[in-house]
Amino acid sequence: MRFTVEPPNPNYQDRPDIEKLIEGAHLSSAELVLKSDQSIYTDADIVLQLLDHVENRGYGKDVFVGERTVSGEVVESVYSSEMHGETEVVVLPANSETGEVEQEALLHELERIEGIIESND
């Protein structure tokens, strides 16, 4: 979880830790990166304050990256407040000589995604 937080207008209602961070250090903004080898406890008070500050009140931006299993494959998913949603990221192997992903692999992945979209319609 990555947060960029900015001072609010007019106040820090119910977000005392964000207030201490920004006002206490006289910051115009702060970037925080939360990492965990297991999973981040999103009900922790500081995480709830960060989510409220950015998601609900709009004072900054956030990006969340996670992994989940989809059809037996581990897929990275990315949520961004700037994009207003979640995106799946698929990593395909590159050709060792050219450093590029083969065109056939890209086409196969597009066909796979189109199949998923059609099955959801």
Foldseek 3Di string as FASTA:
>chain_A
DKWKFAADPPHLVLQVVVCCVCVVVVHRIDIDDDDDPPDDPCVPSNNVSRCCRPVVVNGTKDKDWDWDADPNDIWIKMAIVVVPGIDIDDDDDADPVPRHHDPVVVVVVVVVVVVVVVVVD
